[in-house]
Amino acid sequence: MRTLLQRVSKAGVSVNGASARSIGPGLVILLGIAVGDTPEDLNYLVRKTVDLRIFNDDEGKMNRSLLDTGGEALIVSQFTLYGDARKGRRPSYTDAARPEEAIPLYEAFVEAVREQGIDVQTGEFGADMQVEIHNDGPVTLILESPTA
């Protein structure tokens, strides 16, 4: 399991041209699920994501987490995080989980973040989405579960 985290001042997603779901300060979490990912991978990344100290404290040092700041999260499924472009000019997505495996883990990830007390907005798995990101910093990090 892999996430690309972007600290944002605000963000939103439009699904199939419908009105945007938006957040204020917090994180955009692009979530990629690989073949064979498990609930243990999910639990690891949820804890790491909400506890990661990438928000500024009163002295301007990155010393606060999403939980500490009361920030929001926009979670968007992103199978292309498992695109392999090492060969040729067209990425291969064979490492990305098929929808029947990925959707339950995506939904469980969203619910697990909500259970941490985070206000969460989401995209829609497999939909055509337009994501607007106002990257703050910019701060962008990739996290992977230990088995990735």
C-alpha atoms as a PDB file:
ATOM      1  CA  MET A   1       0.000   0.000   0.000  1.00  0.00           C
ATOM      2  CA  ARG A   2       1.301   3.411  -0.924  1.00  0.00           C
ATOM      3  CA  THR A   3       0.182   6.966  -0.223  1.00  0.00           C
ATOM      4  CA  LEU A   4       1.267  10.252  -1.636  1.00  0.00           C
ATOM      5  CA  LEU A   5       0.578  12.931   0.972  1.00  0.00           C
ATOM      6  CA  GLN A   6       0.334  16.605   0.171  1.00  0.00           C
ATOM      7  CA  ARG A   7      -0.026  19.187   2.900  1.00  0.00           C
ATOM      8  CA  VAL A   8      -2.619  21.648   1.645  1.00  0.00           C
ATOM      9  CA  SER A   9      -4.189  24.962   2.559  1.00  0.00           C
ATOM     10  CA  LYS A  10      -7.302  23.739   0.719  1.00  0.00           C
ATOM     11  CA  ALA A  11      -8.276  21.112  -1.818  1.00  0.00           C
ATOM     12  CA  GLY A  12     -11.262  19.702  -3.614  1.00  0.00           C
ATOM     13  CA  VAL A  13     -12.377  16.975  -5.968  1.00  0.00           C
ATOM     14  CA  SER A  14     -15.088  16.973  -8.615  1.00  0.00           C
ATOM     15  CA  VAL A  15     -16.471  13.552  -9.537  1.00  0.00           C
ATOM     16  CA  ASN A  16     -17.814  13.000 -13.061  1.00  0.00           C
ATOM     17  CA  GLY A  17     -18.234  16.760 -13.423  1.00  0.00           C
ATOM     18  CA  ALA A  18     -20.401  17.045 -10.282  1.00  0.00           C
ATOM     19  CA  SER A  19     -19.788  19.728  -7.678  1.00  0.00           C
ATOM     20  CA  ALA A  20     -16.607  19.559  -5.683  1.00  0.00           C
ATOM     21  CA  ARG A  21     -16.123  17.992  -2.292  1.00  0.00           C
ATOM     22  CA  SER A  22     -13.635  20.195  -0.518  1.00  0.00           C
ATOM     23  CA  ILE A  23     -11.467  20.544   2.560  1.00  0.00           C
ATOM     24  CA  GLY A  24      -9.640  23.361   4.299  1.00  0.00           C
ATOM     25  CA  PRO A  25      -6.148  22.991   5.748  1.00  0.00           C
ATOM     26  CA  GLY A  26      -4.978  19.396   6.042  1.00  0.00           C
ATOM     27  CA  LEU A  27      -3.855  16.585   3.765  1.00  0.00           C
ATOM     28  CA  VAL A  28      -4.661  15.286   0.335  1.00  0.00           C
ATOM     29  CA  ILE A  29      -4.060  11.552   0.504  1.00  0.00           C
ATOM     30  CA  LEU A  30      -3.666   9.791  -2.819  1.00  0.00           C
ATOM     31  CA  LEU A  31      -4.022   6.095  -1.970  1.00  0.00           C
ATOM     32  CA  GLY A  32      -2.633   3.267  -4.084  1.00  0.00           C
ATOM     33  CA  ILE A  33      -3.439  -0.334  -3.240  1.00  0.00           C
ATOM     34  CA  ALA A  34      -1.264  -3.168  -4.485  1.00  0.00           C
ATOM     35  CA  VAL A  35      -2.006  -6.807  -5.137  1.00  0.00           C
ATOM     36  CA  GLY A  36      -1.815  -8.642  -1.801  1.00  0.00           C
ATOM     37  CA  ASP A  37      -2.162  -5.621   0.487  1.00  0.00           C
ATOM     38  CA  THR A  38      -3.630  -6.497   3.869  1.00  0.00           C
ATOM     39  CA  PRO A  39      -5.478  -4.847   6.762  1.00  0.00           C
ATOM     40  CA  GLU A  40      -2.106  -4.687   8.538  1.00  0.00           C
ATOM     41  CA  ASP A  41      -0.739  -2.539   5.685  1.00  0.00           C
ATOM     42  CA  LEU A  42      -3.800  -0.323   5.995  1.00  0.00           C
ATOM     43  CA  ASN A  43      -3.495   0.077   9.770  1.00  0.00           C
ATOM     44  CA  TYR A  44       0.192   0.943   9.463  1.00  0.00           C
ATOM     45  CA  LEU A  45      -0.440   3.663   6.869  1.00  0.00           C
ATOM     46  CA  VAL A  46      -3.421   5.152   8.682  1.00  0.00           C
ATOM     47  CA  ARG A  47      -1.413   5.561  11.903  1.00  0.00           C
ATOM     48  CA  LYS A  48       1.613   6.891  10.027  1.00  0.00           C
ATOM     49  CA  THR A  49      -0.520   9.351   8.051  1.00  0.00           C
ATOM     50  CA  VAL A  50      -2.470  10.895  10.931  1.00  0.00           C
ATOM     51  CA  ASP A  51       0.553  10.991  13.278  1.00  0.00           C
ATOM     52  CA  LEU A  52       3.191  12.248  10.806  1.00  0.00           C
ATOM     53  CA  ARG A  53       4.577  15.556  12.069  1.00  0.00           C
ATOM     54  CA  ILE A  54       4.536  17.688   8.924  1.00  0.00           C
ATOM     55  CA  PHE A  55       2.557  20.728  10.113  1.00  0.00           C
ATOM     56  CA  ASN A  56       4.192  23.797  11.600  1.00  0.00           C
ATOM     57  CA  ASP A  57       4.134  24.524  15.304  1.00  0.00           C
ATOM     58  CA  ASP A  58       4.131  28.039  16.759  1.00  0.00           C
ATOM     59  CA  GLU A  59       7.854  28.353  16.013  1.00  0.00           C
ATOM     60  CA  GLY A  60       7.458  27.391  12.349  1.00  0.00           C
ATOM     61  CA  LYS A  61       8.959  23.909  12.769  1.00  0.00           C
ATOM     62  CA  MET A  62       7.255  20.845  11.319  1.00  0.00           C
ATOM     63  CA  ASN A  63       6.346  19.390  14.677  1.00  0.00           C
ATOM     64  CA  ARG A  64       2.572  18.836  14.549  1.00  0.00           C
ATOM     65  CA  SER A  65       0.462  16.062  13.046  1.00  0.00           C
ATOM     66  CA  LEU A  66      -2.895  16.077  11.303  1.00  0.00           C
ATOM     67  CA  LEU A  67      -4.408  14.986  14.616  1.00  0.00           C
ATOM     68  CA  ASP A  68      -2.634  17.801  16.474  1.00  0.00           C
ATOM     69  CA  THR A  69      -3.872  20.474  14.073  1.00  0.00           C
ATOM     70  CA  GLY A  70      -7.439  19.242  13.662  1.00  0.00           C
ATOM     71  CA  GLY A  71      -6.872  19.329   9.909  1.00  0.00           C
ATOM     72  CA  GLU A  72      -9.066  17.672   7.308  1.00  0.00           C
ATOM     73  CA  ALA A  73      -8.313  14.965   4.764  1.00  0.00           C
ATOM     74  CA  LEU A  74      -9.266  14.455   1.132  1.00  0.00           C
ATOM     75  CA  ILE A  75      -8.704  10.801   0.210  1.00  0.00           C
ATOM     76  CA  VAL A  76      -8.591   9.849  -3.470  1.00  0.00           C
ATOM     77  CA  SER A  77      -7.967   6.369  -4.877  1.00  0.00           C
ATOM     78  CA  GLN A  78      -4.941   6.428  -7.169  1.00  0.00           C
ATOM     79  CA  PHE A  79      -4.015   3.119  -8.820  1.00  0.00           C
ATOM     80  CA  THR A  80      -1.415   4.938 -10.933  1.00  0.00           C
ATOM     81  CA  LEU A  81       0.810   5.122  -7.840  1.00  0.00           C
ATOM     82  CA  TYR A  82       1.636   1.529  -8.789  1.00  0.00           C
ATOM     83  CA  GLY A  83       2.459   2.365 -12.392  1.00  0.00           C
ATOM     84  CA  ASP A  84       5.791   0.888 -13.481  1.00  0.00           C
ATOM     85  CA  ALA A  85       7.374   2.901 -16.289  1.00  0.00           C
ATOM     86  CA  ARG A  86      10.848   1.352 -16.189  1.00  0.00           C
ATOM     87  CA  LYS A  87      10.342  -0.393 -19.524  1.00  0.00           C
ATOM     88  CA  GLY A  88       8.949   1.118 -22.680  1.00  0.00           C
ATOM     89  CA  ARG A  89       6.807   4.233 -22.823  1.00  0.00           C
ATOM     90  CA  ARG A  90       3.520   2.924 -21.449  1.00  0.00           C
ATOM     91  CA  PRO A  91       3.301   2.263 -17.699  1.00  0.00           C
ATOM     92  CA  SER A  92       2.327  -1.191 -16.517  1.00  0.00           C
ATOM     93  CA  TYR A  93      -0.209  -1.417 -13.703  1.00  0.00           C
ATOM     94  CA  THR A  94       0.120  -5.121 -12.928  1.00  0.00           C
ATOM     95  CA  ASP A  95       1.128  -4.364  -9.324  1.00  0.00           C
ATOM     96  CA  ALA A  96      -2.079  -2.382  -8.669  1.00  0.00           C
ATOM     97  CA  ALA A  97      -4.873  -4.340  -7.024  1.00  0.00           C
ATOM     98  CA  ARG A  98      -7.988  -5.098  -9.075  1.00  0.00           C
ATOM     99  CA  PRO A  99     -11.142  -3.240  -7.984  1.00  0.00           C
ATOM    100  CA  GLU A 100     -12.638  -6.251  -6.200  1.00  0.00           C
ATOM    101  CA  GLU A 101      -9.566  -6.332  -3.924  1.00  0.00           C
ATOM    102  CA  ALA A 102      -8.882  -2.589  -3.781  1.00  0.00           C
ATOM    103  CA  ILE A 103     -12.358  -1.142  -3.111  1.00  0.00           C
ATOM    104  CA  PRO A 104     -12.854  -2.804   0.300  1.00  0.00           C
ATOM    105  CA  LEU A 105      -9.379  -1.671   1.412  1.00  0.00           C
ATOM    106  CA  TYR A 106      -9.960   1.858   0.109  1.00  0.00           C
ATOM    107  CA  GLU A 107     -13.270   2.082   1.966  1.00  0.00           C
ATOM    108  CA  ALA A 108     -11.687   0.644   5.118  1.00  0.00           C
ATOM    109  CA  PHE A 109      -8.843   3.190   4.892  1.00  0.00           C
ATOM    110  CA  VAL A 110     -11.342   6.057   4.641  1.00  0.00           C
ATOM    111  CA  GLU A 111     -13.316   4.735   7.608  1.00  0.00           C
ATOM    112  CA  ALA A 112     -10.158   4.188   9.691  1.00  0.00           C
ATOM    113  CA  VAL A 113      -9.066   7.797   9.134  1.00  0.00           C
ATOM    114  CA  ARG A 114     -12.553   9.005  10.119  1.00  0.00           C
ATOM    115  CA  GLU A 115     -12.356   6.893  13.278  1.00  0.00           C
ATOM    116  CA  GLN A 116      -9.296   8.947  14.261  1.00  0.00           C
ATOM    117  CA  GLY A 117     -11.579  11.991  14.449  1.00  0.00           C
ATOM    118  CA  ILE A 118     -10.495  13.462  11.116  1.00  0.00           C
ATOM    119  CA  ASP A 119     -13.083  15.178   8.893  1.00  0.00           C
ATOM    120  CA  VAL A 120     -12.762  13.279   5.598  1.00  0.00           C
ATOM    121  CA  GLN A 121     -13.945  13.973   2.075  1.00  0.00           C
ATOM    122  CA  THR A 122     -13.380  11.468  -0.717  1.00  0.00           C
ATOM    123  CA  GLY A 123     -13.240  11.011  -4.393  1.00  0.00           C
ATOM    124  CA  GLU A 124     -15.049   8.056  -5.935  1.00  0.00           C
ATOM    125  CA  PHE A 125     -13.207   4.856  -6.723  1.00  0.00           C
ATOM    126  CA  GLY A 126     -12.740   4.431 -10.479  1.00  0.00           C
ATOM    127  CA  ALA A 127     -14.544   7.662 -11.395  1.00  0.00           C
ATOM    128  CA  ASP A 128     -13.330  10.472 -13.624  1.00  0.00           C
ATOM    129  CA  MET A 129     -12.111  13.061 -11.130  1.00  0.00           C
ATOM    130  CA  GLN A 130     -10.638  16.527 -11.230  1.00  0.00           C
ATOM    131  CA  VAL A 131      -8.542  17.230  -8.131  1.00  0.00           C
ATOM    132  CA  GLU A 132      -7.645  20.782  -7.144  1.00  0.00           C
ATOM    133  CA  ILE A 133      -4.743  20.969  -4.720  1.00  0.00           C
ATOM    134  CA  HIS A 134      -3.320  24.073  -3.063  1.00  0.00           C
ATOM    135  CA  ASN A 135      -0.086  22.512  -1.851  1.00  0.00           C
ATOM    136  CA  ASP A 136       1.141  24.199   1.341  1.00  0.00           C
ATOM    137  CA  GLY A 137       4.904  24.527   1.579  1.00  0.00           C
ATOM    138  CA  PRO A 138       4.986  22.625  -0.706  1.00  0.00           C
ATOM    139  CA  VAL A 139       5.189  19.511   1.416  1.00  0.00           C
ATOM    140  CA  THR A 140       4.756  16.213  -0.456  1.00  0.00           C
ATOM    141  CA  LEU A 141       5.742  12.797   0.887  1.00  0.00           C
ATOM    142  CA  ILE A 142       5.365   9.184  -0.224  1.00  0.00           C
ATOM    143  CA  LEU A 143       4.609   6.596   2.442  1.00  0.00           C
ATOM    144  CA  GLU A 144       4.633   2.842   1.917  1.00  0.00           C
ATOM    145  CA  SER A 145       3.558   0.000   4.124  1.00  0.00           C
ATOM    146  CA  PRO A 146       6.416  -2.257   5.223  1.00  0.00           C
ATOM    147  CA  THR A 147       5.383  -5.032   2.819  1.00  0.00           C
ATOM    148  CA  ALA A 148       5.250  -2.736  -0.249  1.00  0.00           C
END
